[in-house]
Amino acid sequence: MDDTLRAVADPTRRAIMELVRDGERSAGDIAARFPGMSRPAVSQHLKVLVDAGLVDVRRDGNRRLYALRPEGLADAAGFIERMWSAQLRKLKEAVETE
């Protein structure tokens, strides 16, 4: 979960995740969406996302295609849900005691 949270802490990586959310995109297409960033920098962001299990990569000839792995967010989402649920439970108890 630590790698996941570190990966999504970066706004560029979150933007990449949104780009590949609905289907595969090539590395070149992803890089074209960030004109102020070098291709190696985009590749580094993609590597972090792949290593964190948030994005899958597949070769198609000489291209690499990237797609979101929604299940990669499961542990982090579960943690946030547990934290949120605990706070809601405390709020409910406070309101019911007053």
Protein backbone atom coordinates (compact mmCIF):
# COMPACT_ATOMS: atom_id res chain seq x y z
CA MET A 1 0.00 0.00 0.00
CA ASP A 2 2.92 2.38 0.65
CA ASP A 3 4.05 2.21 -2.98
CA THR A 4 0.48 2.84 -4.11
CA LEU A 5 0.06 5.90 -1.93
CA ARG A 6 3.46 7.28 -2.96
CA ALA A 7 2.58 6.75 -6.61
CA VAL A 8 -0.79 8.52 -6.43
CA ALA A 9 0.67 11.37 -4.37
CA ASP A 10 2.12 12.83 -7.57
CA PRO A 11 -0.33 14.87 -9.71
CA THR A 12 1.31 13.81 -12.98
CA ARG A 13 0.88 10.14 -12.13
CA ARG A 14 -2.76 10.73 -11.17
CA ALA A 15 -3.27 12.43 -14.55
CA ILE A 16 -1.67 9.46 -16.32
CA MET A 17 -3.98 7.09 -14.42
CA GLU A 18 -6.96 9.10 -15.64
CA LEU A 19 -5.66 8.92 -19.23
CA VAL A 20 -5.43 5.13 -19.15
CA ARG A 21 -8.57 4.59 -17.06
CA ASP A 22 -10.86 3.89 -20.02
CA GLY A 23 -8.48 1.88 -22.17
CA GLU A 24 -4.96 1.29 -23.34
CA ARG A 25 -2.77 4.14 -24.53
CA SER A 26 0.67 4.02 -26.01
CA ALA A 27 3.61 5.57 -24.22
CA GLY A 28 3.92 8.09 -27.07
CA ASP A 29 0.28 9.12 -26.75
CA ILE A 30 0.66 9.55 -23.01
CA ALA A 31 3.86 11.59 -23.44
CA ALA A 32 2.12 13.82 -26.00
CA ARG A 33 -0.36 14.84 -23.29
CA PHE A 34 2.50 16.37 -21.28
CA PRO A 35 4.26 18.72 -23.74
CA GLY A 36 6.33 20.41 -21.05
CA MET A 37 7.81 17.12 -19.87
CA SER A 38 10.51 15.04 -21.51
CA ARG A 39 9.70 11.52 -22.72
CA PRO A 40 12.17 10.00 -20.23
CA ALA A 41 10.38 11.80 -17.39
CA VAL A 42 7.02 10.42 -18.56
CA SER A 43 8.60 6.96 -18.83
CA GLN A 44 9.81 7.26 -15.25
CA HIS A 45 6.30 8.11 -14.07
CA LEU A 46 4.94 5.12 -15.99
CA LYS A 47 7.55 2.86 -14.38
CA VAL A 48 6.51 4.01 -10.90
CA LEU A 49 2.86 3.28 -11.73
CA VAL A 50 3.69 -0.16 -13.14
CA ASP A 51 5.93 -1.02 -10.17
CA ALA A 52 3.15 0.02 -7.76
CA GLY A 53 0.71 -2.30 -9.55
CA LEU A 54 -1.54 0.55 -10.64
CA VAL A 55 -0.95 0.26 -14.38
CA ASP A 56 -0.36 -2.74 -16.65
CA VAL A 57 1.98 -2.59 -19.63
CA ARG A 58 1.83 -4.80 -22.70
CA ARG A 59 4.01 -4.89 -25.77
CA ASP A 60 2.44 -4.55 -29.20
CA GLY A 61 5.29 -4.78 -31.68
CA ASN A 62 7.67 -1.98 -30.77
CA ARG A 63 5.02 -0.07 -28.81
CA ARG A 64 4.18 -0.32 -25.15
CA LEU A 65 0.53 0.02 -24.21
CA TYR A 66 -0.54 1.04 -20.74
CA ALA A 67 -3.89 0.42 -19.02
CA LEU A 68 -5.21 1.08 -15.53
CA ARG A 69 -5.37 -1.77 -13.02
CA PRO A 70 -8.26 -0.66 -10.78
CA GLU A 71 -7.57 -3.54 -8.39
CA GLY A 72 -4.21 -1.92 -7.70
CA LEU A 73 -6.04 0.67 -5.62
CA ALA A 74 -7.91 -1.90 -3.50
CA ASP A 75 -5.63 -1.87 -0.43
CA ALA A 76 -5.42 1.93 -0.31
CA ALA A 77 -9.17 2.27 -0.88
CA GLY A 78 -9.83 -0.22 1.92
CA PHE A 79 -7.59 1.73 4.28
CA ILE A 80 -9.33 5.02 3.47
CA GLU A 81 -12.73 3.35 3.86
CA ARG A 82 -11.78 1.98 7.29
CA MET A 83 -10.53 5.39 8.42
CA TRP A 84 -13.63 7.16 7.07
CA SER A 85 -15.97 4.58 8.61
CA ALA A 86 -14.35 4.97 12.02
CA GLN A 87 -14.81 8.74 11.90
CA LEU A 88 -18.44 8.42 10.80
CA ARG A 89 -19.08 5.94 13.63
CA LYS A 90 -17.63 8.43 16.16
CA LEU A 91 -19.77 11.23 14.73
CA LYS A 92 -22.89 9.06 14.92
CA GLU A 93 -22.16 8.17 18.54
CA ALA A 94 -21.60 11.83 19.43
CA VAL A 95 -24.86 12.91 17.81
CA GLU A 96 -26.83 10.11 19.46
CA THR A 97 -25.50 10.91 22.94
CA GLU A 98 -26.48 14.58 22.73
